[in-house]
Structures are given as structure tokens and as C-alpha cells.
């Protein structure tokens, strides 16, 4: 069911997966995963899908995740231990506080989304364990013999800036702004404006209680506070 087994480190890795799917070398997800398929998700699972083709905008895997963090061009999440009980009501407010802890040997999830020049909205979700990345068990698409010769066609995907090579800047910020410019006035890019490359995006927590329901909106809000477009 996966599109690829490995590790997605940079936006370039994600674009290789998207392009391989476009050419038919890899398969895109065509529907939501079944309960059995969700249980089979493991370190190295990578899924790519087209919103219109799959008929879904949000990815669901049946697991519980931490609030998202912006890490370079990706939204990242850590798997939570759902067995932990909520804390007792606060002495000062009487309100029960939300408590969570990271799952032992849990996975890390990454999310990456772009809008192509043909207005195709495509997404990528990847899962990995830190130990598998550190040990070299998971290979990147650029290291796969069947994919390392794939070249990204110019003009089809949002243009990457030099900082994206190391995964330290947002490649998706331009495409997200383009696809949402009619609905978010503050993200509208003047015709002559160019994305700023001055600041490298830092990891940022998004409060648990303020998380929007849409993962796209979460990514937009996080990027808007970091980059002026």
C-alpha cells in the first residue's frame, strides 16, 4: 500500500517521490487506508496522494499524535501513549489539564504538501523511527537505484531555493500561498514580490488546544508566523 519504503529528509526527496508517482514508477494512494492497513504502518512507510484522485484532503491513520512542529519544510508529529490518564483538576482553576506522553519506541510522522503548476494538490506522509535513521536502515529516494536517476521537470513543482537542499527552509510556502491566496488575504503575494530567504525556519510548538481541524491550515498558520511572503 505504501508509495515508498525509506526516509524523506528534504523537500527534494519528496519531489522525487511525487515525480516517480507521476511517471508510474511508484503508486499513489487511491483511497483511505483500511483498519488493517493502518495497523501495518511501520518505520519507513511513505504515502503520497492526490487530493482529487484519492477523494481526501486529510490523512487519517488511527494513531494519536503530539501537536505539530514546523521542521524545515515539514510538519512533524511524535506518537503519543494513549494509556496515560488525564491529570487531576488544577487546584487554581478547577479545570482538568490535558496530559500526554510520548510513546516508547513510537514513530515520528512527517507531512509535506504542495500545489503543482497545473493546480494538482498533492501530499506526502512519512513515518520513521529515529534509531532506523541513525543506523542507516532507511534509505532516501535519492539513494534508491530505481529512483536516483529521476530528474524533476522545471516549472511543474514549486521552485526550491538553495536552503531546501538541507531541508532547512520551506519549499512548500510558495505553493501553499498560491493555492490559498483567494481565501487568505494576508498570504497574497504581490506580482513582483519574492519569498524571503533571510530567515531559516525554527522548530515551533503549536498549542494543543488551538489546533485547527485542517492540517493545511495548521501548516499555513505555522509558515505565516515564520516567513513574510
Protein backbone atom coordinates (compact mmCIF):
# COMPACT_ATOMS: atom_id res chain seq x y z
CA UNK A 1 0.00 0.00 0.00
CA UNK A 2 2.94 2.34 0.61
CA UNK A 3 4.24 4.51 -2.19
CA UNK A 4 7.81 4.03 -0.95
CA UNK A 5 9.78 2.46 1.91
CA UNK A 6 12.54 4.70 3.24
CA UNK A 7 13.30 8.09 4.76
CA UNK A 8 12.24 11.53 3.48
CA UNK A 9 14.82 14.06 4.66
CA UNK A 10 14.40 17.05 2.33
CA UNK A 11 11.78 18.58 0.01
CA UNK A 12 13.88 17.25 -2.88
CA UNK A 13 13.27 13.71 -1.60
CA UNK A 14 9.53 14.43 -1.53
CA UNK A 15 9.57 15.78 -5.08
CA UNK A 16 11.36 12.66 -6.31
CA UNK A 17 8.52 10.58 -4.85
CA UNK A 18 5.88 12.84 -6.44
CA UNK A 19 7.59 12.70 -9.83
CA UNK A 20 8.09 8.93 -9.64
CA UNK A 21 4.37 8.58 -8.93
CA UNK A 22 3.52 10.86 -11.85
CA UNK A 23 5.62 8.72 -14.17
CA UNK A 24 4.10 5.49 -12.88
CA UNK A 25 7.31 4.21 -11.28
CA UNK A 26 5.63 4.39 -7.85
CA UNK A 27 1.99 4.18 -6.84
CA UNK A 28 -0.08 6.93 -5.26
CA UNK A 29 -2.61 6.10 -2.55
CA UNK A 30 -6.04 5.93 -4.18
CA UNK A 31 -8.22 5.81 -1.03
CA UNK A 32 -8.21 5.89 2.73
CA UNK A 33 -6.39 3.05 4.42
CA UNK A 34 -8.39 0.21 5.92
CA UNK A 35 -8.10 -0.63 9.64
CA UNK A 36 -5.77 -3.50 8.80
CA UNK A 37 -3.57 -1.32 6.58
CA UNK A 38 -3.32 1.32 9.32
CA UNK A 39 -2.07 -1.31 11.75
CA UNK A 40 0.64 -2.29 9.25
CA UNK A 41 2.18 1.22 9.14
CA UNK A 42 5.81 0.98 10.24
CA UNK A 43 9.08 2.87 10.29
CA UNK A 44 9.86 3.68 6.66
CA UNK A 45 6.28 3.80 5.40
CA UNK A 46 5.81 6.65 2.91
CA UNK A 47 2.46 7.52 1.32
CA UNK A 48 1.80 10.01 -1.48
CA UNK A 49 -1.62 11.00 -2.75
CA UNK A 50 -3.51 13.45 -4.91
CA UNK A 51 -6.49 15.14 -3.22
CA UNK A 52 -8.84 14.81 -6.19
CA UNK A 53 -7.73 11.35 -7.20
CA UNK A 54 -7.99 9.87 -3.69
CA UNK A 55 -11.01 11.93 -2.68
CA UNK A 56 -9.46 13.06 0.60
CA UNK A 57 -7.76 16.15 1.99
CA UNK A 58 -6.84 14.91 5.45
CA UNK A 59 -4.76 11.84 6.26
CA UNK A 60 -6.03 9.51 8.99
CA UNK A 61 -4.05 6.62 10.45
CA UNK A 62 -5.91 5.81 13.67
CA UNK A 63 -2.98 6.84 15.89
CA UNK A 64 -2.62 9.63 18.42
CA UNK A 65 -0.01 12.31 17.76
CA UNK A 66 1.55 15.26 19.54
CA UNK A 67 0.88 18.85 18.45
CA UNK A 68 2.65 19.58 15.18
CA UNK A 69 6.05 21.23 14.90
CA UNK A 70 7.46 23.00 11.89
CA UNK A 71 10.79 21.46 10.96
CA UNK A 72 12.15 22.94 7.77
CA UNK A 73 9.52 22.28 5.10
CA UNK A 74 7.72 19.61 7.08
CA UNK A 75 5.14 19.39 9.81
CA UNK A 76 6.34 16.75 12.27
CA UNK A 77 4.50 14.82 14.96
CA UNK A 78 5.52 12.32 17.64
CA UNK A 79 3.36 9.33 18.51
CA UNK A 80 1.67 9.55 21.90
CA UNK A 81 0.97 6.97 24.57
CA UNK A 82 -2.83 6.83 24.81
CA UNK A 83 -2.80 4.78 28.01
CA UNK A 84 -1.79 7.72 30.18
CA UNK A 85 -4.69 9.10 32.22
CA UNK A 86 -5.62 12.81 32.29
CA UNK A 87 -4.30 14.84 35.19
CA UNK A 88 -6.43 15.81 38.15
CA UNK A 89 -8.25 19.18 38.04
CA UNK A 90 -5.99 22.18 38.65
CA UNK A 91 -6.09 23.48 42.22
CA UNK A 92 -6.22 27.06 40.95
CA UNK A 93 -8.71 26.76 38.08
CA UNK A 94 -10.55 23.52 38.75
CA UNK A 95 -10.13 22.67 35.08
CA UNK A 96 -8.78 19.28 34.12
CA UNK A 97 -5.49 19.68 32.23
CA UNK A 98 -4.70 17.76 29.08
CA UNK A 99 -1.76 15.44 29.64
CA UNK A 100 0.14 13.29 27.16
CA UNK A 101 3.42 11.44 26.96
CA UNK A 102 5.42 10.18 24.03
CA UNK A 103 5.00 6.51 23.25
CA UNK A 104 8.05 4.37 24.00
CA UNK A 105 9.59 3.38 20.66
CA UNK A 106 6.83 5.34 18.97
CA UNK A 107 7.07 6.66 15.44
CA UNK A 108 7.66 10.16 14.11
CA UNK A 109 5.34 11.36 11.34
CA UNK A 110 6.15 13.97 8.68
CA UNK A 111 3.71 15.83 6.46
CA UNK A 112 4.54 17.69 3.23
CA UNK A 113 2.08 19.30 0.79
CA UNK A 114 2.36 21.30 -2.43
CA UNK A 115 0.26 22.57 -5.30
CA UNK A 116 1.68 21.98 -8.78
CA UNK A 117 1.62 24.38 -11.72
CA UNK A 118 -1.46 22.53 -13.00
CA UNK A 119 -3.21 23.12 -9.65
CA UNK A 120 -2.80 19.49 -8.59
CA UNK A 121 -2.79 19.31 -4.80
CA UNK A 122 -0.52 16.50 -3.68
CA UNK A 123 0.56 15.34 -0.26
CA UNK A 124 3.16 13.10 1.32
CA UNK A 125 3.10 11.43 4.74
CA UNK A 126 6.12 9.53 6.02
CA UNK A 127 6.81 7.59 9.21
CA UNK A 128 10.15 6.72 10.77
CA UNK A 129 11.93 5.75 13.96
CA UNK A 130 14.97 7.80 14.92
CA UNK A 131 17.02 4.67 15.51
CA UNK A 132 16.36 3.45 11.96
CA UNK A 133 17.51 6.76 10.51
CA UNK A 134 20.63 6.93 12.68
CA UNK A 135 21.61 3.36 11.84
CA UNK A 136 21.16 3.93 8.11
CA UNK A 137 18.46 1.27 7.87
CA UNK A 138 16.16 3.63 5.96
CA UNK A 139 17.41 4.88 2.60
CA UNK A 140 16.41 8.13 0.95
CA UNK A 141 14.80 8.17 -2.54
CA UNK A 142 17.96 9.73 -3.95
CA UNK A 143 19.85 6.68 -2.78
CA UNK A 144 17.45 4.20 -4.37
CA UNK A 145 18.88 2.77 -7.65
CA UNK A 146 15.42 2.81 -9.24
CA UNK A 147 14.79 6.47 -8.38
CA UNK A 148 18.13 8.27 -8.24
CA UNK A 149 18.09 9.00 -11.97
CA UNK A 150 14.72 10.80 -11.86
CA UNK A 151 15.00 14.48 -12.73
CA UNK A 152 12.45 16.99 -11.52
CA UNK A 153 10.96 18.86 -14.52
CA UNK A 154 11.25 22.63 -14.27
CA UNK A 155 8.04 24.55 -13.89
CA UNK A 156 5.86 21.67 -12.72
CA UNK A 157 6.58 21.89 -8.99
CA UNK A 158 7.22 24.96 -6.80
CA UNK A 159 10.77 26.21 -7.26
CA UNK A 160 13.14 25.18 -4.46
CA UNK A 161 15.58 27.67 -3.02
CA UNK A 162 19.20 26.77 -2.06
CA UNK A 163 18.35 26.31 1.63
CA UNK A 164 15.98 23.47 0.75
CA UNK A 165 18.90 21.20 -0.09
CA UNK A 166 19.46 20.72 3.62
CA UNK A 167 15.77 20.71 4.49
CA UNK A 168 16.13 23.97 6.43
CA UNK A 169 13.68 26.20 4.60
CA UNK A 170 10.12 25.87 3.41
CA UNK A 171 9.77 24.71 -0.17
CA UNK A 172 6.03 24.44 0.22
CA UNK A 173 5.43 28.01 1.38
CA UNK A 174 5.07 29.39 -2.16
CA UNK A 175 2.71 26.68 -3.34
CA UNK A 176 0.55 26.87 -0.24
CA UNK A 177 0.23 30.64 -0.60
CA UNK A 178 -0.66 30.21 -4.27
CA UNK A 179 -3.36 27.65 -3.63
CA UNK A 180 -4.89 29.60 -0.73
CA UNK A 181 -4.41 33.21 -1.88
CA UNK A 182 -8.09 33.69 -2.63
CA UNK A 183 -9.14 32.68 0.87
CA UNK A 184 -6.36 34.23 2.98
CA UNK A 185 -5.78 37.89 2.12
CA UNK A 186 -2.74 38.21 4.34
CA UNK A 187 -0.97 35.48 2.37
CA UNK A 188 -1.50 37.11 -1.05
CA UNK A 189 1.78 37.57 -2.89
CA UNK A 190 2.17 40.78 -4.97
CA UNK A 191 3.21 40.05 -8.58
CA UNK A 192 6.70 41.42 -8.06
CA UNK A 193 7.31 40.00 -4.59
CA UNK A 194 9.65 37.10 -4.00
CA UNK A 195 9.78 34.76 -0.94
CA UNK A 196 12.30 35.96 1.60
CA UNK A 197 15.32 33.73 2.14
CA UNK A 198 16.71 35.66 5.09
CA UNK A 199 15.37 33.54 7.94
CA UNK A 200 15.75 29.81 8.43
CA UNK A 201 12.60 28.43 9.99
CA UNK A 202 12.94 27.17 13.54
CA UNK A 203 11.01 24.44 15.30
CA UNK A 204 7.82 25.89 16.73
CA UNK A 205 5.20 24.39 19.04
CA UNK A 206 1.56 24.91 18.18
CA UNK A 207 -0.66 24.86 21.32
CA UNK A 208 -2.68 21.66 21.64
CA UNK A 209 -5.94 23.44 22.45
CA UNK A 210 -5.65 25.82 19.49
CA UNK A 211 -5.07 23.24 16.75
CA UNK A 212 -7.35 23.87 13.72
CA UNK A 213 -9.14 20.87 12.28
CA UNK A 214 -7.42 21.19 8.90
CA UNK A 215 -3.81 20.11 8.53
CA UNK A 216 -3.47 22.53 5.61
CA UNK A 217 -4.49 25.44 7.85
CA UNK A 218 -2.05 24.30 10.52
CA UNK A 219 0.78 24.40 8.03
CA UNK A 220 -0.33 27.77 6.70
CA UNK A 221 -0.55 29.36 10.15
CA UNK A 222 2.83 27.99 11.18
CA UNK A 223 4.52 29.21 7.99
CA UNK A 224 2.85 32.62 8.15
CA UNK A 225 4.49 33.38 11.50
CA UNK A 226 7.92 32.45 10.16
CA UNK A 227 8.08 33.80 6.61
CA UNK A 228 6.83 37.01 5.04
CA UNK A 229 5.68 36.26 1.51
